[in-house]
């Protein structure tokens, strides 16, 4: 039998530390690249409905947040002043009945036309959602377009959940808002 080669000596602590640092650096660069990519790729959910009521009436129902518990299956509570730059507190109910509180920043309050806010999962860049309600006059009625643009590192793996849980809740809210606005509020 030929003599076997002696085993490699264990790496010196300095070499081992350098290998670990290089591996961690590569991991950080990959995570940063993925996060940048995920934040540049917007995932949008949209649900629209035609309502047989003028935009001002639809707006009145939309911003009467004290009555949300009476009719809104999605945003079951909303508190705080609707002013641009302000923060509101919303309680959202998922399709499965779970409730989540979040505190978005109001971006646009244009009576009869648009309400928009942005919510961020701290510290940002992980899961951000810019939610909007746009009211478009159509004859004597209104087209309500509810949408949300999602960005962040957690969005790609959550897309099927957003489609299966959040989008149906957008549609449920739109239907309930339609019913309330057409009934006179």
C-alpha atoms as a PDB file:
ATOM      1  CA  UNK A   1       0.000   0.000   0.000  1.00  0.00           C
ATOM      2  CA  UNK A   2       1.298   3.392  -0.898  1.00  0.00           C
ATOM      3  CA  UNK A   3       1.666   5.755   1.966  1.00  0.00           C
ATOM      4  CA  UNK A   4      -1.231   8.177   2.234  1.00  0.00           C
ATOM      5  CA  UNK A   5      -0.735  11.870   2.169  1.00  0.00           C
ATOM      6  CA  UNK A   6      -0.796  13.436   5.555  1.00  0.00           C
ATOM      7  CA  UNK A   7      -4.003  15.367   6.284  1.00  0.00           C
ATOM      8  CA  UNK A   8      -4.040  19.043   5.556  1.00  0.00           C
ATOM      9  CA  UNK A   9      -3.205  21.059   8.590  1.00  0.00           C
ATOM     10  CA  UNK A  10      -6.160  22.967  10.036  1.00  0.00           C
ATOM     11  CA  UNK A  11      -6.520  26.474   8.590  1.00  0.00           C
ATOM     12  CA  UNK A  12      -4.803  29.129  10.537  1.00  0.00           C
ATOM     13  CA  UNK A  13      -7.171  31.349  12.496  1.00  0.00           C
ATOM     14  CA  UNK A  14      -6.401  34.326  10.244  1.00  0.00           C
ATOM     15  CA  UNK A  15      -7.210  32.416   7.042  1.00  0.00           C
ATOM     16  CA  UNK A  16     -10.402  31.044   8.569  1.00  0.00           C
ATOM     17  CA  UNK A  17     -11.484  34.522   9.668  1.00  0.00           C
ATOM     18  CA  UNK A  18     -10.800  35.892   6.154  1.00  0.00           C
ATOM     19  CA  UNK A  19     -12.853  33.105   4.567  1.00  0.00           C
ATOM     20  CA  UNK A  20     -15.751  33.813   6.934  1.00  0.00           C
ATOM     21  CA  UNK A  21     -15.560  37.550   6.202  1.00  0.00           C
ATOM     22  CA  UNK A  22     -15.521  36.935   2.449  1.00  0.00           C
ATOM     23  CA  UNK A  23     -18.510  34.573   2.745  1.00  0.00           C
ATOM     24  CA  UNK A  24     -20.442  37.079   4.843  1.00  0.00           C
ATOM     25  CA  UNK A  25     -19.568  39.882   2.417  1.00  0.00           C
ATOM     26  CA  UNK A  26     -20.870  37.851  -0.516  1.00  0.00           C
ATOM     27  CA  UNK A  27     -24.064  37.098   1.426  1.00  0.00           C
ATOM     28  CA  UNK A  28     -24.577  40.802   2.255  1.00  0.00           C
ATOM     29  CA  UNK A  29     -24.050  41.795  -1.397  1.00  0.00           C
ATOM     30  CA  UNK A  30     -26.537  39.141  -2.560  1.00  0.00           C
ATOM     31  CA  UNK A  31     -29.146  40.236   0.003  1.00  0.00           C
ATOM     32  CA  UNK A  32     -28.652  43.907  -0.888  1.00  0.00           C
ATOM     33  CA  UNK A  33     -29.011  43.096  -4.582  1.00  0.00           C
ATOM     34  CA  UNK A  34     -32.173  41.089  -3.989  1.00  0.00           C
ATOM     35  CA  UNK A  35     -33.645  43.849  -1.807  1.00  0.00           C
ATOM     36  CA  UNK A  36     -32.866  46.481  -4.455  1.00  0.00           C
ATOM     37  CA  UNK A  37     -34.431  44.293  -7.158  1.00  0.00           C
ATOM     38  CA  UNK A  38     -37.551  43.628  -5.051  1.00  0.00           C
ATOM     39  CA  UNK A  39     -37.980  47.339  -4.347  1.00  0.00           C
ATOM     40  CA  UNK A  40     -37.734  48.216  -8.028  1.00  0.00           C
ATOM     41  CA  UNK A  41     -40.333  45.618  -9.048  1.00  0.00           C
ATOM     42  CA  UNK A  42     -43.768  46.821  -8.026  1.00  0.00           C
ATOM     43  CA  UNK A  43     -46.522  44.259  -7.464  1.00  0.00           C
ATOM     44  CA  UNK A  44     -49.958  45.833  -7.861  1.00  0.00           C
ATOM     45  CA  UNK A  45     -53.391  44.658  -6.746  1.00  0.00           C
ATOM     46  CA  UNK A  46     -56.382  46.463  -8.272  1.00  0.00           C
ATOM     47  CA  UNK A  47     -60.135  46.090  -7.858  1.00  0.00           C
ATOM     48  CA  UNK A  48     -62.639  48.452  -9.435  1.00  0.00           C
ATOM     49  CA  UNK A  49     -66.403  48.809  -9.357  1.00  0.00           C
ATOM     50  CA  UNK A  50     -69.008  51.103 -10.907  1.00  0.00           C
ATOM     51  CA  UNK A  51     -71.261  52.829  -8.398  1.00  0.00           C
ATOM     52  CA  UNK A  52     -74.576  54.479  -9.225  1.00  0.00           C
ATOM     53  CA  UNK A  53     -73.841  57.551  -7.098  1.00  0.00           C
ATOM     54  CA  UNK A  54     -71.835  60.722  -7.796  1.00  0.00           C
ATOM     55  CA  UNK A  55     -68.188  60.942  -6.683  1.00  0.00           C
ATOM     56  CA  UNK A  56     -69.043  63.337  -3.836  1.00  0.00           C
ATOM     57  CA  UNK A  57     -71.463  60.786  -2.345  1.00  0.00           C
ATOM     58  CA  UNK A  58     -68.951  57.938  -2.723  1.00  0.00           C
ATOM     59  CA  UNK A  59     -66.291  60.142  -1.116  1.00  0.00           C
ATOM     60  CA  UNK A  60     -68.623  60.908   1.791  1.00  0.00           C
ATOM     61  CA  UNK A  61     -69.033  57.178   2.501  1.00  0.00           C
ATOM     62  CA  UNK A  62     -65.300  56.487   2.030  1.00  0.00           C
ATOM     63  CA  UNK A  63     -64.151  59.135   4.508  1.00  0.00           C
ATOM     64  CA  UNK A  64     -66.877  58.475   7.106  1.00  0.00           C
ATOM     65  CA  UNK A  65     -64.475  56.168   8.899  1.00  0.00           C
ATOM     66  CA  UNK A  66     -66.458  56.169  12.138  1.00  0.00           C
ATOM     67  CA  UNK A  67     -69.082  54.071  10.342  1.00  0.00           C
ATOM     68  CA  UNK A  68     -66.572  51.491   8.999  1.00  0.00           C
ATOM     69  CA  UNK A  69     -67.506  48.921  11.677  1.00  0.00           C
ATOM     70  CA  UNK A  70     -71.103  49.053  10.386  1.00  0.00           C
ATOM     71  CA  UNK A  71     -70.365  48.152   6.781  1.00  0.00           C
ATOM     72  CA  UNK A  72     -66.690  47.701   5.883  1.00  0.00           C
ATOM     73  CA  UNK A  73     -65.530  44.053   5.820  1.00  0.00           C
ATOM     74  CA  UNK A  74     -61.880  44.957   5.087  1.00  0.00           C
ATOM     75  CA  UNK A  75     -60.949  48.144   6.961  1.00  0.00           C
ATOM     76  CA  UNK A  76     -62.981  47.589  10.077  1.00  0.00           C
ATOM     77  CA  UNK A  77     -61.575  50.637  11.854  1.00  0.00           C
ATOM     78  CA  UNK A  78     -59.723  53.782  10.818  1.00  0.00           C
ATOM     79  CA  UNK A  79     -58.751  56.617  13.126  1.00  0.00           C
ATOM     80  CA  UNK A  80     -56.764  59.826  12.906  1.00  0.00           C
ATOM     81  CA  UNK A  81     -57.008  62.961  10.826  1.00  0.00           C
ATOM     82  CA  UNK A  82     -57.102  62.618   7.057  1.00  0.00           C
ATOM     83  CA  UNK A  83     -54.507  65.253   6.252  1.00  0.00           C
ATOM     84  CA  UNK A  84     -51.543  64.953   3.935  1.00  0.00           C
ATOM     85  CA  UNK A  85     -48.433  64.013   5.885  1.00  0.00           C
ATOM     86  CA  UNK A  86     -50.488  62.819   8.856  1.00  0.00           C
ATOM     87  CA  UNK A  87     -50.605  59.317  10.278  1.00  0.00           C
ATOM     88  CA  UNK A  88     -53.755  57.246  10.615  1.00  0.00           C
ATOM     89  CA  UNK A  89     -54.348  53.936  12.376  1.00  0.00           C
ATOM     90  CA  UNK A  90     -56.209  51.283  10.396  1.00  0.00           C
ATOM     91  CA  UNK A  91     -57.417  47.881  11.493  1.00  0.00           C
ATOM     92  CA  UNK A  92     -57.523  45.525   8.512  1.00  0.00           C
ATOM     93  CA  UNK A  93     -59.391  42.214   8.488  1.00  0.00           C
ATOM     94  CA  UNK A  94     -58.062  39.480   6.232  1.00  0.00           C
ATOM     95  CA  UNK A  95     -60.209  37.015   4.315  1.00  0.00           C
ATOM     96  CA  UNK A  96     -59.462  34.458   7.026  1.00  0.00           C
ATOM     97  CA  UNK A  97     -60.724  36.802   9.768  1.00  0.00           C
ATOM     98  CA  UNK A  98     -57.340  37.731  11.204  1.00  0.00           C
ATOM     99  CA  UNK A  99     -56.921  41.402  12.041  1.00  0.00           C
ATOM    100  CA  UNK A 100     -53.826  43.544  11.610  1.00  0.00           C
ATOM    101  CA  UNK A 101     -53.303  47.095  12.780  1.00  0.00           C
ATOM    102  CA  UNK A 102     -51.060  49.386  10.772  1.00  0.00           C
ATOM    103  CA  UNK A 103     -50.257  53.090  10.811  1.00  0.00           C
ATOM    104  CA  UNK A 104     -49.777  54.473   7.312  1.00  0.00           C
ATOM    105  CA  UNK A 105     -48.823  58.020   6.357  1.00  0.00           C
ATOM    106  CA  UNK A 106     -51.450  59.899   4.356  1.00  0.00           C
ATOM    107  CA  UNK A 107     -50.102  61.049   0.980  1.00  0.00           C
ATOM    108  CA  UNK A 108     -53.126  62.494  -0.866  1.00  0.00           C
ATOM    109  CA  UNK A 109     -56.517  63.743   0.269  1.00  0.00           C
ATOM    110  CA  UNK A 110     -58.341  65.160  -2.747  1.00  0.00           C
ATOM    111  CA  UNK A 111     -62.071  65.250  -1.913  1.00  0.00           C
ATOM    112  CA  UNK A 112     -64.225  63.492  -4.493  1.00  0.00           C
ATOM    113  CA  UNK A 113     -61.138  62.243  -6.356  1.00  0.00           C
ATOM    114  CA  UNK A 114     -58.442  60.413  -4.417  1.00  0.00           C
ATOM    115  CA  UNK A 115     -57.355  59.146  -1.018  1.00  0.00           C
ATOM    116  CA  UNK A 116     -53.876  57.602  -0.815  1.00  0.00           C
ATOM    117  CA  UNK A 117     -51.545  56.452   1.954  1.00  0.00           C
ATOM    118  CA  UNK A 118     -48.352  54.464   2.360  1.00  0.00           C
ATOM    119  CA  UNK A 119     -47.639  51.845   4.999  1.00  0.00           C
ATOM    120  CA  UNK A 120     -44.188  50.448   5.676  1.00  0.00           C
ATOM    121  CA  UNK A 121     -43.011  47.462   7.641  1.00  0.00           C
ATOM    122  CA  UNK A 122     -40.217  48.942   9.740  1.00  0.00           C
ATOM    123  CA  UNK A 123     -37.465  49.738   8.831  1.00  0.00           C
ATOM    124  CA  UNK A 124     -38.754  49.980   5.248  1.00  0.00           C
ATOM    125  CA  UNK A 125     -37.590  48.175   2.106  1.00  0.00           C
ATOM    126  CA  UNK A 126     -39.111  44.937   3.456  1.00  0.00           C
ATOM    127  CA  UNK A 127     -42.831  45.256   2.759  1.00  0.00           C
ATOM    128  CA  UNK A 128     -44.227  48.643   1.756  1.00  0.00           C
ATOM    129  CA  UNK A 129     -47.690  49.279   0.382  1.00  0.00           C
ATOM    130  CA  UNK A 130     -49.018  52.434  -1.259  1.00  0.00           C
ATOM    131  CA  UNK A 131     -52.814  52.147  -1.125  1.00  0.00           C
ATOM    132  CA  UNK A 132     -55.174  54.348  -3.117  1.00  0.00           C
ATOM    133  CA  UNK A 133     -58.856  54.917  -3.692  1.00  0.00           C
ATOM    134  CA  UNK A 134     -59.517  56.830  -6.917  1.00  0.00           C
ATOM    135  CA  UNK A 135     -62.972  58.106  -7.830  1.00  0.00           C
ATOM    136  CA  UNK A 136     -63.665  58.764 -11.496  1.00  0.00           C
ATOM    137  CA  UNK A 137     -66.890  60.397 -12.611  1.00  0.00           C
ATOM    138  CA  UNK A 138     -68.741  58.285 -15.195  1.00  0.00           C
ATOM    139  CA  UNK A 139     -72.002  59.848 -16.327  1.00  0.00           C
ATOM    140  CA  UNK A 140     -74.075  60.296 -13.180  1.00  0.00           C
ATOM    141  CA  UNK A 141     -72.065  57.637 -11.343  1.00  0.00           C
ATOM    142  CA  UNK A 142     -68.562  56.840 -10.204  1.00  0.00           C
ATOM    143  CA  UNK A 143     -65.925  54.267 -10.969  1.00  0.00           C
ATOM    144  CA  UNK A 144     -64.085  53.399  -7.762  1.00  0.00           C
ATOM    145  CA  UNK A 145     -60.586  52.011  -8.279  1.00  0.00           C
ATOM    146  CA  UNK A 146     -58.947  50.601  -5.166  1.00  0.00           C
ATOM    147  CA  UNK A 147     -55.344  49.574  -5.654  1.00  0.00           C
ATOM    148  CA  UNK A 148     -52.121  49.003  -3.814  1.00  0.00           C
ATOM    149  CA  UNK A 149     -48.556  48.996  -5.086  1.00  0.00           C
ATOM    150  CA  UNK A 150     -46.361  46.671  -3.030  1.00  0.00           C
ATOM    151  CA  UNK A 151     -42.566  46.805  -2.927  1.00  0.00           C
ATOM    152  CA  UNK A 152     -39.962  45.233  -0.699  1.00  0.00           C
ATOM    153  CA  UNK A 153     -37.894  42.138  -0.121  1.00  0.00           C
ATOM    154  CA  UNK A 154     -40.826  40.205   1.381  1.00  0.00           C
ATOM    155  CA  UNK A 155     -43.249  40.911  -1.481  1.00  0.00           C
ATOM    156  CA  UNK A 156     -42.160  38.251  -4.028  1.00  0.00           C
ATOM    157  CA  UNK A 157     -42.701  35.301  -1.667  1.00  0.00           C
ATOM    158  CA  UNK A 158     -46.027  36.794  -0.505  1.00  0.00           C
ATOM    159  CA  UNK A 159     -47.637  37.404  -3.914  1.00  0.00           C
ATOM    160  CA  UNK A 160     -49.894  34.361  -3.838  1.00  0.00           C
ATOM    161  CA  UNK A 161     -51.079  35.310  -0.331  1.00  0.00           C
ATOM    162  CA  UNK A 162     -51.799  38.866  -1.515  1.00  0.00           C
ATOM    163  CA  UNK A 163     -53.806  37.499  -4.453  1.00  0.00           C
ATOM    164  CA  UNK A 164     -55.703  34.984  -2.313  1.00  0.00           C
ATOM    165  CA  UNK A 165     -56.334  37.063   0.825  1.00  0.00           C
ATOM    166  CA  UNK A 166     -55.945  40.788   0.177  1.00  0.00           C
ATOM    167  CA  UNK A 167     -57.458  41.129  -3.301  1.00  0.00           C
ATOM    168  CA  UNK A 168     -60.736  39.447  -2.283  1.00  0.00           C
ATOM    169  CA  UNK A 169     -60.938  41.892   0.623  1.00  0.00           C
ATOM    170  CA  UNK A 170     -60.503  44.847  -1.771  1.00  0.00           C
ATOM    171  CA  UNK A 171     -63.411  43.475  -3.798  1.00  0.00           C
ATOM    172  CA  UNK A 172     -65.548  42.900  -0.693  1.00  0.00           C
ATOM    173  CA  UNK A 173     -64.949  46.466   0.475  1.00  0.00           C
ATOM    174  CA  UNK A 174     -65.766  47.856  -2.979  1.00  0.00           C
ATOM    175  CA  UNK A 175     -69.072  45.953  -3.054  1.00  0.00           C
ATOM    176  CA  UNK A 176     -69.985  47.096   0.445  1.00  0.00           C
ATOM    177  CA  UNK A 177     -69.092  50.709  -0.363  1.00  0.00           C
ATOM    178  CA  UNK A 178     -71.198  50.514  -3.531  1.00  0.00           C
ATOM    179  CA  UNK A 179     -74.176  49.184  -1.582  1.00  0.00           C
ATOM    180  CA  UNK A 180     -73.862  51.888   1.077  1.00  0.00           C
ATOM    181  CA  UNK A 181     -73.362  54.776  -1.387  1.00  0.00           C
ATOM    182  CA  UNK A 182     -76.250  53.664  -3.621  1.00  0.00           C
ATOM    183  CA  UNK A 183     -78.511  53.361  -0.561  1.00  0.00           C
ATOM    184  CA  UNK A 184     -77.771  56.958   0.334  1.00  0.00           C
ATOM    185  CA  UNK A 185     -75.017  56.499   2.867  1.00  0.00           C
END
